[in-house]
Amino acid sequence: MVEDIKKAINKNSFGLYVGAGMSMGAGLPSWGQLLNELIDILERKGIASTRIAEMRILAGIPSKYLMLAEELRDLIQSDLDRLIRDRFEDKTKVPTETHDVLVKLKSKFIITTNYDTLVEKALVKNFNNYFPTVYTYKDASSINYSLWNNDHFVLKAHGDAKTPKEIVLTEKDYRNIIYNQSGYQSILHAIFSTNSILFVGVSLNDPELLLLLGYIHNIFHGGSPTHYALVSKDMVTETEVERWRKDFNIEIIKYDPAGNHIAVKNFLEEIIAVTEEANFDV
């Protein structure tokens, strides 16, 4: 699969999709942890203990994350913006070694559903203070311009902690941006139908990823490029591997999570090594 990814890179049709797992390595919360932090706020407000206990249970079920997030947003309201900004704009959080390797891959773009700025920090750190072009789902026309002009960019698909009122947190939010914004719909189609994407830091149970793939499901039956997903071997079954290949044209690359997921960094370094060899040969 490394050779196939190298071919996509050489054709300038390769992109990255960075999920929450990458930020967790830097000390930021997972989906379940974030929901529990929001529940903590309600508990301090004196919400009934039975209700709190019920929410804690829901926070442990990935398929319930988005529904629970909707309820928490309604109950917390203004405190939510402060928490998102404080938690994901934390200046003490810095890119991991895996972030440093990730941004060195010759990708056309980096898509992330994370609210933090770790990807941007890693780009600045590793490319002589290069400041990346950063878009959110609201910038469809600008994203389109960058795509067709081969200008590298970072797409923060679910918003940025700097502007917490605009983040995508719930299923209602998500369905609004992908079903009601035609420009953004076109961008998603263009990205996934013309580029091979490597998914890093994702879970096959991630409700955000499942909503995205569900929306663009029709692309995967129309001759789209092959995509790839690095997934911990203890988090995926052979049946899921087959279904993701058949339903979404995504090849699952299983890895051993030992050593704080060091295998992810090693795999990314292997891709860099073979692409550098190819460039040297030319």
C-alpha atoms as a PDB file:
ATOM      1  CA  MET A   1       0.000   0.000   0.000  1.00  0.00           C
ATOM      2  CA  VAL A   2       2.962   2.299   0.530  1.00  0.00           C
ATOM      3  CA  GLU A   3       3.769   2.030  -3.179  1.00  0.00           C
ATOM      4  CA  ASP A   4       0.183   2.917  -4.106  1.00  0.00           C
ATOM      5  CA  ILE A   5       0.303   5.966  -1.846  1.00  0.00           C
ATOM      6  CA  LYS A   6       3.623   6.947  -3.420  1.00  0.00           C
ATOM      7  CA  LYS A   7       1.986   6.862  -6.856  1.00  0.00           C
ATOM      8  CA  ALA A   8      -0.808   9.172  -5.650  1.00  0.00           C
ATOM      9  CA  ILE A   9       1.770  11.565  -4.189  1.00  0.00           C
ATOM     10  CA  ASN A  10       3.739  11.582  -7.434  1.00  0.00           C
ATOM     11  CA  LYS A  11       0.535  12.396  -9.340  1.00  0.00           C
ATOM     12  CA  ASN A  12      -0.217  15.246  -6.901  1.00  0.00           C
ATOM     13  CA  SER A  13      -3.506  13.616  -6.000  1.00  0.00           C
ATOM     14  CA  PHE A  14      -2.895  12.744  -2.357  1.00  0.00           C
ATOM     15  CA  GLY A  15      -4.465  14.262   0.746  1.00  0.00           C
ATOM     16  CA  LEU A  16      -4.553  13.664   4.486  1.00  0.00           C
ATOM     17  CA  TYR A  17      -7.500  13.387   6.853  1.00  0.00           C
ATOM     18  CA  VAL A  18      -6.521  13.881  10.508  1.00  0.00           C
ATOM     19  CA  GLY A  19      -8.863  12.662  13.221  1.00  0.00           C
ATOM     20  CA  ALA A  20      -9.077  13.071  16.994  1.00  0.00           C
ATOM     21  CA  GLY A  21      -6.555  10.319  17.702  1.00  0.00           C
ATOM     22  CA  MET A  22      -3.724  12.581  16.593  1.00  0.00           C
ATOM     23  CA  SER A  23      -4.714  15.319  19.037  1.00  0.00           C
ATOM     24  CA  MET A  24      -5.195  12.827  21.867  1.00  0.00           C
ATOM     25  CA  GLY A  25      -1.500  12.002  21.565  1.00  0.00           C
ATOM     26  CA  ALA A  26      -0.784  15.649  22.449  1.00  0.00           C
ATOM     27  CA  GLY A  27      -3.004  15.540  25.529  1.00  0.00           C
ATOM     28  CA  LEU A  28      -6.292  16.779  24.106  1.00  0.00           C
ATOM     29  CA  PRO A  29      -9.573  14.965  24.814  1.00  0.00           C
ATOM     30  CA  SER A  30     -11.263  12.245  22.805  1.00  0.00           C
ATOM     31  CA  TRP A  31     -14.927  12.633  21.886  1.00  0.00           C
ATOM     32  CA  GLY A  32     -15.996  10.706  24.984  1.00  0.00           C
ATOM     33  CA  GLN A  33     -13.677  12.694  27.236  1.00  0.00           C
ATOM     34  CA  LEU A  34     -14.929  16.013  25.871  1.00  0.00           C
ATOM     35  CA  LEU A  35     -18.523  14.997  26.490  1.00  0.00           C
ATOM     36  CA  ASN A  36     -17.676  14.005  30.062  1.00  0.00           C
ATOM     37  CA  GLU A  37     -16.016  17.391  30.611  1.00  0.00           C
ATOM     38  CA  LEU A  38     -19.238  19.037  29.462  1.00  0.00           C
ATOM     39  CA  ILE A  39     -21.201  16.776  31.805  1.00  0.00           C
ATOM     40  CA  ASP A  40     -18.879  17.915  34.628  1.00  0.00           C
ATOM     41  CA  ILE A  41     -20.077  21.488  34.033  1.00  0.00           C
ATOM     42  CA  LEU A  42     -23.692  20.392  34.406  1.00  0.00           C
ATOM     43  CA  GLU A  43     -22.874  18.451  37.540  1.00  0.00           C
ATOM     44  CA  ARG A  44     -21.378  21.595  39.090  1.00  0.00           C
ATOM     45  CA  LYS A  45     -24.565  23.434  38.133  1.00  0.00           C
ATOM     46  CA  GLY A  46     -26.573  21.006  40.253  1.00  0.00           C
ATOM     47  CA  ILE A  47     -28.294  18.916  37.578  1.00  0.00           C
ATOM     48  CA  ALA A  48     -30.018  15.866  39.113  1.00  0.00           C
ATOM     49  CA  SER A  49     -27.589  12.998  39.796  1.00  0.00           C
ATOM     50  CA  THR A  50     -29.797  10.507  37.961  1.00  0.00           C
ATOM     51  CA  ARG A  51     -29.631  12.662  34.836  1.00  0.00           C
ATOM     52  CA  ILE A  52     -25.864  13.008  35.170  1.00  0.00           C
ATOM     53  CA  ALA A  53     -25.472   9.233  35.520  1.00  0.00           C
ATOM     54  CA  GLU A  54     -27.598   8.697  32.418  1.00  0.00           C
ATOM     55  CA  MET A  55     -25.457  11.103  30.425  1.00  0.00           C
ATOM     56  CA  ARG A  56     -22.264   9.401  31.592  1.00  0.00           C
ATOM     57  CA  ILE A  57     -23.570   6.154  30.132  1.00  0.00           C
ATOM     58  CA  LEU A  58     -24.389   7.818  26.812  1.00  0.00           C
ATOM     59  CA  ALA A  59     -20.893   9.360  26.740  1.00  0.00           C
ATOM     60  CA  GLY A  60     -19.508   5.834  26.555  1.00  0.00           C
ATOM     61  CA  ILE A  61     -21.509   4.867  23.455  1.00  0.00           C
ATOM     62  CA  PRO A  62     -20.049   6.282  20.204  1.00  0.00           C
ATOM     63  CA  SER A  63     -23.345   6.042  18.337  1.00  0.00           C
ATOM     64  CA  LYS A  64     -24.914   8.364  20.955  1.00  0.00           C
ATOM     65  CA  TYR A  65     -22.172  11.037  20.934  1.00  0.00           C
ATOM     66  CA  LEU A  66     -23.824  13.489  18.560  1.00  0.00           C
ATOM     67  CA  MET A  67     -27.257  13.208  20.169  1.00  0.00           C
ATOM     68  CA  LEU A  68     -25.737  13.752  23.609  1.00  0.00           C
ATOM     69  CA  ALA A  69     -23.726  16.708  22.314  1.00  0.00           C
ATOM     70  CA  GLU A  70     -26.972  18.313  21.117  1.00  0.00           C
ATOM     71  CA  GLU A  71     -28.516  17.986  24.556  1.00  0.00           C
ATOM     72  CA  LEU A  72     -25.393  19.250  26.310  1.00  0.00           C
ATOM     73  CA  ARG A  73     -25.218  22.300  24.053  1.00  0.00           C
ATOM     74  CA  ASP A  74     -28.841  23.152  24.931  1.00  0.00           C
ATOM     75  CA  LEU A  75     -28.179  22.815  28.659  1.00  0.00           C
ATOM     76  CA  ILE A  76     -24.766  24.483  28.853  1.00  0.00           C
ATOM     77  CA  GLN A  77     -25.204  27.248  26.255  1.00  0.00           C
ATOM     78  CA  SER A  78     -22.720  30.100  26.846  1.00  0.00           C
ATOM     79  CA  ASP A  79     -20.341  27.993  28.949  1.00  0.00           C
ATOM     80  CA  LEU A  80     -19.733  25.760  25.929  1.00  0.00           C
ATOM     81  CA  ASP A  81     -17.916  28.453  23.954  1.00  0.00           C
ATOM     82  CA  ARG A  82     -15.574  29.139  26.848  1.00  0.00           C
ATOM     83  CA  LEU A  83     -14.802  25.465  27.381  1.00  0.00           C
ATOM     84  CA  ILE A  84     -14.066  24.817  23.703  1.00  0.00           C
ATOM     85  CA  ARG A  85     -11.785  27.838  23.467  1.00  0.00           C
ATOM     86  CA  ASP A  86      -9.948  27.104  26.710  1.00  0.00           C
ATOM     87  CA  ARG A  87      -9.589  23.378  26.031  1.00  0.00           C
ATOM     88  CA  PHE A  88      -8.510  23.440  22.394  1.00  0.00           C
ATOM     89  CA  GLU A  89      -6.640  26.751  22.332  1.00  0.00           C
ATOM     90  CA  ASP A  90      -4.439  25.557  25.188  1.00  0.00           C
ATOM     91  CA  LYS A  91      -1.012  27.043  24.420  1.00  0.00           C
ATOM     92  CA  THR A  92       0.739  24.335  26.437  1.00  0.00           C
ATOM     93  CA  LYS A  93      -0.279  21.666  23.907  1.00  0.00           C
ATOM     94  CA  VAL A  94       2.327  21.183  21.192  1.00  0.00           C
ATOM     95  CA  PRO A  95       2.536  18.931  18.114  1.00  0.00           C
ATOM     96  CA  THR A  96       3.752  15.388  18.681  1.00  0.00           C
ATOM     97  CA  GLU A  97       6.578  13.734  16.763  1.00  0.00           C
ATOM     98  CA  THR A  98       3.902  12.050  14.655  1.00  0.00           C
ATOM     99  CA  HIS A  99       2.479  15.475  13.748  1.00  0.00           C
ATOM    100  CA  ASP A 100       5.973  16.523  12.673  1.00  0.00           C
ATOM    101  CA  VAL A 101       6.278  13.532  10.356  1.00  0.00           C
ATOM    102  CA  LEU A 102       2.708  13.822   9.081  1.00  0.00           C
ATOM    103  CA  VAL A 103       3.115  17.371   7.772  1.00  0.00           C
ATOM    104  CA  LYS A 104       6.255  16.371   5.880  1.00  0.00           C
ATOM    105  CA  LEU A 105       4.251  14.093   3.597  1.00  0.00           C
ATOM    106  CA  LYS A 106       3.756  15.715   0.211  1.00  0.00           C
ATOM    107  CA  SER A 107       0.019  16.126   0.511  1.00  0.00           C
ATOM    108  CA  LYS A 108      -2.153  18.391  -1.578  1.00  0.00           C
ATOM    109  CA  PHE A 109      -4.145  19.353   1.515  1.00  0.00           C
ATOM    110  CA  ILE A 110      -4.780  18.332   5.101  1.00  0.00           C
ATOM    111  CA  ILE A 111      -8.360  17.927   6.288  1.00  0.00           C
ATOM    112  CA  THR A 112      -8.942  17.783  10.029  1.00  0.00           C
ATOM    113  CA  THR A 113     -12.079  17.556  12.114  1.00  0.00           C
ATOM    114  CA  ASN A 114     -10.124  18.704  15.174  1.00  0.00           C
ATOM    115  CA  TYR A 115     -10.734  22.165  16.636  1.00  0.00           C
ATOM    116  CA  ASP A 116      -7.141  22.661  17.818  1.00  0.00           C
ATOM    117  CA  THR A 117      -4.202  24.204  15.948  1.00  0.00           C
ATOM    118  CA  LEU A 118      -1.679  21.355  16.239  1.00  0.00           C
ATOM    119  CA  VAL A 119      -1.504  20.721  12.481  1.00  0.00           C
ATOM    120  CA  GLU A 120      -0.877  24.394  11.783  1.00  0.00           C
ATOM    121  CA  LYS A 121       1.759  24.559  14.539  1.00  0.00           C
ATOM    122  CA  ALA A 122       3.523  21.527  13.080  1.00  0.00           C
ATOM    123  CA  LEU A 123       3.617  23.134   9.623  1.00  0.00           C
ATOM    124  CA  VAL A 124       5.056  26.367  11.028  1.00  0.00           C
ATOM    125  CA  LYS A 125       7.614  24.424  13.072  1.00  0.00           C
ATOM    126  CA  ASN A 126       8.817  22.176  10.243  1.00  0.00           C
ATOM    127  CA  PHE A 127       8.803  24.557   7.289  1.00  0.00           C
ATOM    128  CA  ASN A 128      10.761  27.612   8.405  1.00  0.00           C
ATOM    129  CA  ASN A 129       7.798  29.494   9.815  1.00  0.00           C
ATOM    130  CA  TYR A 130       5.639  28.834   6.767  1.00  0.00           C
ATOM    131  CA  PHE A 131       2.137  29.947   7.697  1.00  0.00           C
ATOM    132  CA  PRO A 132      -0.420  27.641   6.096  1.00  0.00           C
ATOM    133  CA  THR A 133      -3.628  28.751   4.446  1.00  0.00           C
ATOM    134  CA  VAL A 134      -6.408  27.624   6.779  1.00  0.00           C
ATOM    135  CA  TYR A 135     -10.045  27.257   5.757  1.00  0.00           C
ATOM    136  CA  THR A 136     -13.227  26.112   7.461  1.00  0.00           C
ATOM    137  CA  TYR A 137     -16.430  24.739   5.978  1.00  0.00           C
ATOM    138  CA  LYS A 138     -17.569  28.345   5.424  1.00  0.00           C
ATOM    139  CA  ASP A 139     -14.865  29.020   2.797  1.00  0.00           C
ATOM    140  CA  ALA A 140     -16.087  26.875  -0.112  1.00  0.00           C
ATOM    141  CA  SER A 141     -15.149  29.271  -2.916  1.00  0.00           C
ATOM    142  CA  SER A 142     -11.648  29.836  -1.533  1.00  0.00           C
ATOM    143  CA  ILE A 143     -11.117  26.093  -1.044  1.00  0.00           C
ATOM    144  CA  ASN A 144     -12.146  25.529  -4.635  1.00  0.00           C
ATOM    145  CA  TYR A 145      -9.630  28.127  -5.819  1.00  0.00           C
ATOM    146  CA  SER A 146      -6.813  26.465  -3.851  1.00  0.00           C
ATOM    147  CA  LEU A 147      -7.761  22.993  -5.104  1.00  0.00           C
ATOM    148  CA  TRP A 148      -7.609  23.888  -8.752  1.00  0.00           C
ATOM    149  CA  ASN A 149      -4.474  25.994  -8.348  1.00  0.00           C
ATOM    150  CA  ASN A 150      -2.675  23.270  -6.395  1.00  0.00           C
ATOM    151  CA  ASP A 151      -2.139  25.568  -3.416  1.00  0.00           C
ATOM    152  CA  HIS A 152      -1.589  23.584  -0.237  1.00  0.00           C
ATOM    153  CA  PHE A 153      -4.139  24.277   2.519  1.00  0.00           C
ATOM    154  CA  VAL A 154      -5.552  23.026   5.794  1.00  0.00           C
ATOM    155  CA  LEU A 155      -9.313  22.487   5.926  1.00  0.00           C
ATOM    156  CA  LYS A 156     -10.708  22.548   9.451  1.00  0.00           C
ATOM    157  CA  ALA A 157     -13.860  20.780   8.446  1.00  0.00           C
ATOM    158  CA  HIS A 158     -15.644  21.253  11.761  1.00  0.00           C
ATOM    159  CA  GLY A 159     -14.434  24.717  12.621  1.00  0.00           C
ATOM    160  CA  ASP A 160     -11.754  26.267  14.816  1.00  0.00           C
ATOM    161  CA  ALA A 161     -11.575  26.759  18.581  1.00  0.00           C
ATOM    162  CA  LYS A 162     -10.749  30.412  17.923  1.00  0.00           C
ATOM    163  CA  THR A 163     -14.365  30.882  16.810  1.00  0.00           C
ATOM    164  CA  PRO A 164     -16.274  28.404  19.008  1.00  0.00           C
ATOM    165  CA  LYS A 165     -19.706  29.682  17.985  1.00  0.00           C
ATOM    166  CA  GLU A 166     -19.047  28.302  14.489  1.00  0.00           C
ATOM    167  CA  ILE A 167     -17.846  24.817  15.419  1.00  0.00           C
ATOM    168  CA  VAL A 168     -19.635  21.676  14.309  1.00  0.00           C
ATOM    169  CA  LEU A 169     -20.456  19.677  17.426  1.00  0.00           C
ATOM    170  CA  THR A 170     -23.782  17.935  16.893  1.00  0.00           C
ATOM    171  CA  GLU A 171     -25.492  15.931  14.183  1.00  0.00           C
ATOM    172  CA  LYS A 172     -27.760  18.905  13.487  1.00  0.00           C
ATOM    173  CA  ASP A 173     -24.692  21.087  12.895  1.00  0.00           C
ATOM    174  CA  TYR A 174     -23.133  18.519  10.625  1.00  0.00           C
ATOM    175  CA  ARG A 175     -26.214  17.871   8.557  1.00  0.00           C
ATOM    176  CA  ASN A 176     -26.652  21.615   8.132  1.00  0.00           C
ATOM    177  CA  ILE A 177     -23.216  22.133   6.583  1.00  0.00           C
ATOM    178  CA  ILE A 178     -23.256  19.118   4.281  1.00  0.00           C
ATOM    179  CA  TYR A 179     -26.890  19.251   3.164  1.00  0.00           C
ATOM    180  CA  ASN A 180     -27.658  22.983   3.170  1.00  0.00           C
ATOM    181  CA  GLN A 181     -24.437  24.437   1.795  1.00  0.00           C
ATOM    182  CA  SER A 182     -24.167  23.476  -1.859  1.00  0.00           C
ATOM    183  CA  GLY A 183     -20.695  24.974  -2.289  1.00  0.00           C
ATOM    184  CA  TYR A 184     -19.286  22.824   0.487  1.00  0.00           C
ATOM    185  CA  GLN A 185     -21.051  19.770  -0.936  1.00  0.00           C
ATOM    186  CA  SER A 186     -19.260  20.317  -4.231  1.00  0.00           C
ATOM    187  CA  ILE A 187     -15.908  20.661  -2.454  1.00  0.00           C
ATOM    188  CA  LEU A 188     -16.349  17.354  -0.622  1.00  0.00           C
ATOM    189  CA  HIS A 189     -17.226  15.618  -3.879  1.00  0.00           C
ATOM    190  CA  ALA A 190     -14.227  17.116  -5.654  1.00  0.00           C
ATOM    191  CA  ILE A 191     -11.827  16.161  -2.874  1.00  0.00           C
ATOM    192  CA  PHE A 192     -12.916  12.559  -2.472  1.00  0.00           C
ATOM    193  CA  SER A 193     -13.509  11.797  -6.141  1.00  0.00           C
ATOM    194  CA  THR A 194     -10.171  13.061  -7.455  1.00  0.00           C
ATOM    195  CA  ASN A 195      -7.678  12.327  -4.658  1.00  0.00           C
ATOM    196  CA  SER A 196      -6.505   9.371  -2.607  1.00  0.00           C
ATOM    197  CA  ILE A 197      -6.946  10.204   1.071  1.00  0.00           C
ATOM    198  CA  LEU A 198      -4.992   8.706   3.967  1.00  0.00           C
ATOM    199  CA  PHE A 199      -7.030   8.751   7.197  1.00  0.00           C
ATOM    200  CA  VAL A 200      -4.873   9.058  10.332  1.00  0.00           C
ATOM    201  CA  GLY A 201      -6.027   9.182  13.944  1.00  0.00           C
ATOM    202  CA  VAL A 202      -9.519   7.914  13.149  1.00  0.00           C
ATOM    203  CA  SER A 203     -11.786   5.279  14.633  1.00  0.00           C
ATOM    204  CA  LEU A 204     -14.224   3.259  12.569  1.00  0.00           C
ATOM    205  CA  ASN A 205     -16.801   4.146  15.247  1.00  0.00           C
ATOM    206  CA  ASP A 206     -16.214   7.889  14.885  1.00  0.00           C
ATOM    207  CA  PRO A 207     -19.718   9.346  14.332  1.00  0.00           C
ATOM    208  CA  GLU A 208     -18.333  12.353  12.421  1.00  0.00           C
ATOM    209  CA  LEU A 209     -16.430  10.151   9.997  1.00  0.00           C
ATOM    210  CA  LEU A 210     -19.428   7.869   9.522  1.00  0.00           C
ATOM    211  CA  LEU A 211     -21.672  10.840   8.715  1.00  0.00           C
ATOM    212  CA  LEU A 212     -19.155  12.129   6.184  1.00  0.00           C
ATOM    213  CA  LEU A 213     -18.780   8.765   4.479  1.00  0.00           C
ATOM    214  CA  GLY A 214     -22.530   8.253   4.527  1.00  0.00           C
ATOM    215  CA  TYR A 215     -23.041  11.562   2.769  1.00  0.00           C
ATOM    216  CA  ILE A 216     -20.520  10.939   0.006  1.00  0.00           C
ATOM    217  CA  HIS A 217     -21.378   7.233  -0.279  1.00  0.00           C
ATOM    218  CA  ASN A 218     -22.439   7.617  -3.914  1.00  0.00           C
ATOM    219  CA  ILE A 219     -18.911   8.735  -4.858  1.00  0.00           C
ATOM    220  CA  PHE A 220     -17.473   5.400  -3.811  1.00  0.00           C
ATOM    221  CA  HIS A 221     -19.481   3.590  -6.447  1.00  0.00           C
ATOM    222  CA  GLY A 222     -18.395   5.864  -9.251  1.00  0.00           C
ATOM    223  CA  GLY A 223     -14.781   4.877  -9.763  1.00  0.00           C
ATOM    224  CA  SER A 224     -13.242   7.074  -7.070  1.00  0.00           C
ATOM    225  CA  PRO A 225      -9.556   6.680  -6.166  1.00  0.00           C
ATOM    226  CA  THR A 226      -8.652   4.201  -3.458  1.00  0.00           C
ATOM    227  CA  HIS A 227      -8.425   5.702   0.029  1.00  0.00           C
ATOM    228  CA  TYR A 228      -6.532   4.349   3.040  1.00  0.00           C
ATOM    229  CA  ALA A 229      -7.102   4.364   6.803  1.00  0.00           C
ATOM    230  CA  LEU A 230      -4.585   3.578   9.535  1.00  0.00           C
ATOM    231  CA  VAL A 231      -6.540   1.746  12.230  1.00  0.00           C
ATOM    232  CA  SER A 232      -5.353   0.011  15.398  1.00  0.00           C
ATOM    233  CA  LYS A 233      -5.628  -3.753  14.918  1.00  0.00           C
ATOM    234  CA  ASP A 234      -7.563  -4.161  18.165  1.00  0.00           C
ATOM    235  CA  MET A 235     -10.264  -1.762  16.954  1.00  0.00           C
ATOM    236  CA  VAL A 236     -11.286  -3.448  13.709  1.00  0.00           C
ATOM    237  CA  THR A 237     -12.633  -6.812  12.571  1.00  0.00           C
ATOM    238  CA  GLU A 238     -12.046  -8.576   9.256  1.00  0.00           C
ATOM    239  CA  THR A 239     -15.719  -8.052   8.418  1.00  0.00           C
ATOM    240  CA  GLU A 240     -15.276  -4.296   8.836  1.00  0.00           C
ATOM    241  CA  VAL A 241     -12.144  -4.385   6.710  1.00  0.00           C
ATOM    242  CA  GLU A 242     -14.126  -6.003   3.902  1.00  0.00           C
ATOM    243  CA  ARG A 243     -17.117  -3.682   4.204  1.00  0.00           C
ATOM    244  CA  TRP A 244     -14.990  -0.525   4.189  1.00  0.00           C
ATOM    245  CA  ARG A 245     -13.225  -1.768   1.081  1.00  0.00           C
ATOM    246  CA  LYS A 246     -16.471  -2.678  -0.704  1.00  0.00           C
ATOM    247  CA  ASP A 247     -18.677   0.178   0.506  1.00  0.00           C
ATOM    248  CA  PHE A 248     -16.236   3.093   0.580  1.00  0.00           C
ATOM    249  CA  ASN A 249     -13.191   1.976  -1.425  1.00  0.00           C
ATOM    250  CA  ILE A 250     -11.121   2.471   1.728  1.00  0.00           C
ATOM    251  CA  GLU A 251      -8.285   0.029   2.393  1.00  0.00           C
ATOM    252  CA  ILE A 252      -7.788  -0.503   6.126  1.00  0.00           C
ATOM    253  CA  ILE A 253      -4.138  -0.622   7.171  1.00  0.00           C
ATOM    254  CA  LYS A 254      -4.006  -2.344  10.536  1.00  0.00           C
ATOM    255  CA  TYR A 255      -1.186  -1.521  12.941  1.00  0.00           C
ATOM    256  CA  ASP A 256      -0.023  -2.539  16.409  1.00  0.00           C
ATOM    257  CA  PRO A 257      -0.918   0.224  18.941  1.00  0.00           C
ATOM    258  CA  ALA A 258       1.980  -0.703  21.250  1.00  0.00           C
ATOM    259  CA  GLY A 259       4.392   2.028  22.313  1.00  0.00           C
ATOM    260  CA  ASN A 260       1.816   4.818  22.208  1.00  0.00           C
ATOM    261  CA  HIS A 261       0.974   4.079  18.556  1.00  0.00           C
ATOM    262  CA  ILE A 262       4.578   4.456  17.380  1.00  0.00           C
ATOM    263  CA  ALA A 263       3.688   2.306  14.353  1.00  0.00           C
ATOM    264  CA  VAL A 264       1.727   5.239  12.889  1.00  0.00           C
ATOM    265  CA  LYS A 265       4.822   7.433  12.898  1.00  0.00           C
ATOM    266  CA  ASN A 266       6.894   4.599  11.435  1.00  0.00           C
ATOM    267  CA  PHE A 267       4.417   4.063   8.604  1.00  0.00           C
ATOM    268  CA  LEU A 268       4.381   7.753   7.716  1.00  0.00           C
ATOM    269  CA  GLU A 269       8.182   7.807   7.742  1.00  0.00           C
ATOM    270  CA  GLU A 270       8.192   4.838   5.372  1.00  0.00           C
ATOM    271  CA  ILE A 271       6.026   6.769   2.901  1.00  0.00           C
ATOM    272  CA  ILE A 272       8.371   9.761   3.107  1.00  0.00           C
ATOM    273  CA  ALA A 273      11.392   7.513   2.538  1.00  0.00           C
ATOM    274  CA  VAL A 274      10.040   5.911  -0.632  1.00  0.00           C
ATOM    275  CA  THR A 275       8.857   9.208  -2.099  1.00  0.00           C
ATOM    276  CA  GLU A 276      12.240  10.805  -1.434  1.00  0.00           C
ATOM    277  CA  GLU A 277      13.953   7.848  -3.120  1.00  0.00           C
ATOM    278  CA  ALA A 278      11.688   8.287  -6.138  1.00  0.00           C
ATOM    279  CA  ASN A 279      12.534  11.977  -6.362  1.00  0.00           C
ATOM    280  CA  PHE A 280      16.252  11.185  -6.042  1.00  0.00           C
ATOM    281  CA  ASP A 281      16.069   8.660  -8.872  1.00  0.00           C
ATOM    282  CA  VAL A 282      14.508  11.247 -11.156  1.00  0.00           C
END
